[in-house]
Amino acid sequence: MCSLLNWVTRTNEDFSWTLTNSLSPSHSAVTGVGWEGQGATTIGGCCGIAANQISALTLALFFH
């Protein structure tokens, strides 16, 4: 099972993307640990995920 964190986005009239919301680093970490507990073996980020979110996720999974 694979799970990806992503920002909430919307499509503009010209079909470009606008990032409209973001998970906080701590929310990213809690979410990732929850996915691992449900059996996910690959957890990562997608478009718009920042380094601080991936860092928090990595630390949470490593020390969980």
N, C-alpha and C. Protein backbone atom coordinates (compact mmCIF):
# COMPACT_ATOMS: atom_id res chain seq x y z
N MET A 1 0.84 -1.17 0.00
CA MET A 1 0.00 0.00 0.00
C MET A 1 0.89 1.23 0.00
N CYS A 2 0.51 2.22 -0.76
CA CYS A 2 1.26 3.46 -0.89
C CYS A 2 0.34 4.63 -0.53
N SER A 3 0.85 5.60 0.21
CA SER A 3 0.07 6.79 0.56
C SER A 3 0.91 8.02 0.33
N LEU A 4 0.30 9.06 -0.21
CA LEU A 4 1.00 10.31 -0.50
C LEU A 4 0.29 11.48 0.16
N LEU A 5 1.08 12.34 0.78
CA LEU A 5 0.55 13.60 1.30
C LEU A 5 0.47 14.58 0.14
N ASN A 6 -0.51 15.42 0.14
CA ASN A 6 -0.65 16.40 -0.93
C ASN A 6 -1.36 17.63 -0.39
N TRP A 7 -1.08 18.76 -0.98
CA TRP A 7 -1.81 19.97 -0.67
C TRP A 7 -3.15 19.93 -1.38
N VAL A 8 -4.12 20.59 -0.81
CA VAL A 8 -5.40 20.74 -1.48
C VAL A 8 -5.21 21.75 -2.60
N THR A 9 -5.65 21.41 -3.80
CA THR A 9 -5.47 22.29 -4.94
C THR A 9 -6.79 22.54 -5.64
N ARG A 10 -6.77 23.53 -6.49
CA ARG A 10 -7.93 23.78 -7.36
C ARG A 10 -7.42 24.17 -8.73
N THR A 11 -8.22 23.92 -9.73
CA THR A 11 -7.84 24.27 -11.09
C THR A 11 -8.33 25.67 -11.41
N ASN A 12 -7.47 26.49 -12.00
CA ASN A 12 -7.84 27.83 -12.43
C ASN A 12 -8.50 27.77 -13.81
N GLU A 13 -9.05 28.89 -14.23
CA GLU A 13 -9.71 28.94 -15.54
C GLU A 13 -8.76 28.56 -16.68
N ASP A 14 -7.47 28.86 -16.53
CA ASP A 14 -6.50 28.52 -17.58
C ASP A 14 -5.91 27.12 -17.38
N PHE A 15 -6.51 26.34 -16.49
CA PHE A 15 -6.12 24.97 -16.19
C PHE A 15 -4.77 24.86 -15.48
N SER A 16 -4.30 25.96 -14.90
CA SER A 16 -3.14 25.88 -14.03
C SER A 16 -3.64 25.53 -12.62
N TRP A 17 -2.72 25.21 -11.73
CA TRP A 17 -3.10 24.81 -10.38
C TRP A 17 -2.77 25.90 -9.38
N THR A 18 -3.62 26.04 -8.38
CA THR A 18 -3.38 26.93 -7.26
C THR A 18 -3.40 26.11 -5.98
N LEU A 19 -2.32 26.23 -5.19
CA LEU A 19 -2.29 25.55 -3.90
C LEU A 19 -3.13 26.36 -2.92
N THR A 20 -4.09 25.72 -2.27
CA THR A 20 -5.03 26.45 -1.44
C THR A 20 -4.95 26.09 0.03
N ASN A 21 -4.32 25.00 0.38
CA ASN A 21 -4.26 24.59 1.77
C ASN A 21 -3.09 23.65 1.95
N SER A 22 -2.56 23.56 3.12
CA SER A 22 -1.42 22.71 3.38
C SER A 22 -1.57 22.02 4.72
N LEU A 23 -1.08 20.81 4.80
CA LEU A 23 -0.98 20.14 6.09
C LEU A 23 0.22 20.73 6.82
N SER A 24 0.09 20.95 8.11
CA SER A 24 1.23 21.40 8.89
C SER A 24 2.23 20.25 8.98
N PRO A 25 3.48 20.54 9.29
CA PRO A 25 4.45 19.45 9.46
C PRO A 25 4.00 18.42 10.50
N SER A 26 3.45 18.89 11.62
CA SER A 26 3.02 17.93 12.65
C SER A 26 1.84 17.09 12.17
N HIS A 27 0.92 17.69 11.42
CA HIS A 27 -0.20 16.93 10.87
C HIS A 27 0.30 15.92 9.84
N SER A 28 1.29 16.30 9.05
CA SER A 28 1.89 15.37 8.10
C SER A 28 2.47 14.17 8.82
N ALA A 29 3.16 14.42 9.93
CA ALA A 29 3.78 13.35 10.70
C ALA A 29 2.73 12.41 11.28
N VAL A 30 1.71 12.97 11.90
CA VAL A 30 0.65 12.15 12.51
C VAL A 30 -0.07 11.33 11.44
N THR A 31 -0.35 11.96 10.30
CA THR A 31 -1.03 11.26 9.21
C THR A 31 -0.19 10.11 8.70
N GLY A 32 1.11 10.33 8.50
CA GLY A 32 2.00 9.28 8.01
C GLY A 32 2.11 8.11 8.97
N VAL A 33 2.22 8.39 10.25
CA VAL A 33 2.28 7.33 11.26
C VAL A 33 0.98 6.53 11.25
N GLY A 34 -0.14 7.21 11.09
CA GLY A 34 -1.43 6.52 11.00
C GLY A 34 -1.50 5.60 9.79
N TRP A 35 -1.00 6.06 8.64
CA TRP A 35 -0.99 5.22 7.45
C TRP A 35 -0.11 4.00 7.65
N GLU A 36 1.05 4.20 8.30
CA GLU A 36 1.94 3.07 8.57
C GLU A 36 1.23 2.04 9.44
N GLY A 37 0.51 2.51 10.43
CA GLY A 37 -0.25 1.63 11.31
C GLY A 37 -1.33 0.85 10.58
N GLN A 38 -1.80 1.39 9.46
CA GLN A 38 -2.82 0.71 8.67
C GLN A 38 -2.21 -0.18 7.59
N GLY A 39 -0.87 -0.27 7.56
CA GLY A 39 -0.22 -1.18 6.63
C GLY A 39 0.50 -0.56 5.45
N ALA A 40 0.53 0.76 5.35
CA ALA A 40 1.24 1.37 4.22
C ALA A 40 2.74 1.07 4.33
N THR A 41 3.35 0.72 3.23
CA THR A 41 4.78 0.44 3.21
C THR A 41 5.56 1.50 2.44
N THR A 42 4.88 2.33 1.70
CA THR A 42 5.51 3.44 0.99
C THR A 42 4.71 4.69 1.30
N ILE A 43 5.36 5.65 1.94
CA ILE A 43 4.69 6.89 2.34
C ILE A 43 5.56 8.04 1.88
N GLY A 44 4.99 9.00 1.21
CA GLY A 44 5.78 10.13 0.72
C GLY A 44 4.93 11.33 0.43
N GLY A 45 5.50 12.24 -0.32
CA GLY A 45 4.81 13.47 -0.65
C GLY A 45 4.64 13.61 -2.15
N CYS A 46 3.80 14.54 -2.51
CA CYS A 46 3.53 14.80 -3.92
C CYS A 46 3.61 16.31 -4.13
N CYS A 47 3.02 16.79 -5.17
CA CYS A 47 3.08 18.20 -5.57
C CYS A 47 2.81 19.14 -4.40
N GLY A 48 3.71 20.07 -4.19
CA GLY A 48 3.49 21.10 -3.20
C GLY A 48 3.95 20.77 -1.79
N ILE A 49 4.42 19.57 -1.55
CA ILE A 49 4.88 19.22 -0.20
C ILE A 49 6.24 19.87 0.04
N ALA A 50 6.38 20.49 1.18
CA ALA A 50 7.61 21.21 1.51
C ALA A 50 8.58 20.32 2.28
N ALA A 51 9.82 20.74 2.28
CA ALA A 51 10.87 19.97 2.96
C ALA A 51 10.58 19.79 4.45
N ASN A 52 10.00 20.81 5.10
CA ASN A 52 9.71 20.67 6.53
C ASN A 52 8.63 19.62 6.79
N GLN A 53 7.72 19.43 5.86
CA GLN A 53 6.70 18.39 6.02
C GLN A 53 7.31 17.00 5.86
N ILE A 54 8.16 16.82 4.85
CA ILE A 54 8.82 15.54 4.63
C ILE A 54 9.75 15.23 5.80
N SER A 55 10.45 16.24 6.30
CA SER A 55 11.34 16.05 7.44
C SER A 55 10.57 15.58 8.68
N ALA A 56 9.46 16.23 8.97
CA ALA A 56 8.63 15.84 10.12
C ALA A 56 8.09 14.43 9.94
N LEU A 57 7.67 14.11 8.74
CA LEU A 57 7.16 12.77 8.44
C LEU A 57 8.25 11.72 8.65
N THR A 58 9.44 11.99 8.13
CA THR A 58 10.57 11.06 8.25
C THR A 58 10.92 10.82 9.72
N LEU A 59 11.04 11.89 10.48
CA LEU A 59 11.38 11.74 11.90
C LEU A 59 10.31 10.97 12.66
N ALA A 60 9.06 11.27 12.39
CA ALA A 60 7.96 10.58 13.08
C ALA A 60 7.97 9.09 12.77
N LEU A 61 8.18 8.74 11.50
CA LEU A 61 8.19 7.32 11.13
C LEU A 61 9.42 6.62 11.69
N PHE A 62 10.55 7.29 11.70
CA PHE A 62 11.79 6.68 12.20
C PHE A 62 11.71 6.41 13.70
N PHE A 63 11.17 7.36 14.46
CA PHE A 63 11.14 7.22 15.91
C PHE A 63 9.85 6.61 16.45
N HIS A 64 8.94 6.25 15.58
CA HIS A 64 7.67 5.65 16.02
C HIS A 64 7.88 4.22 16.44
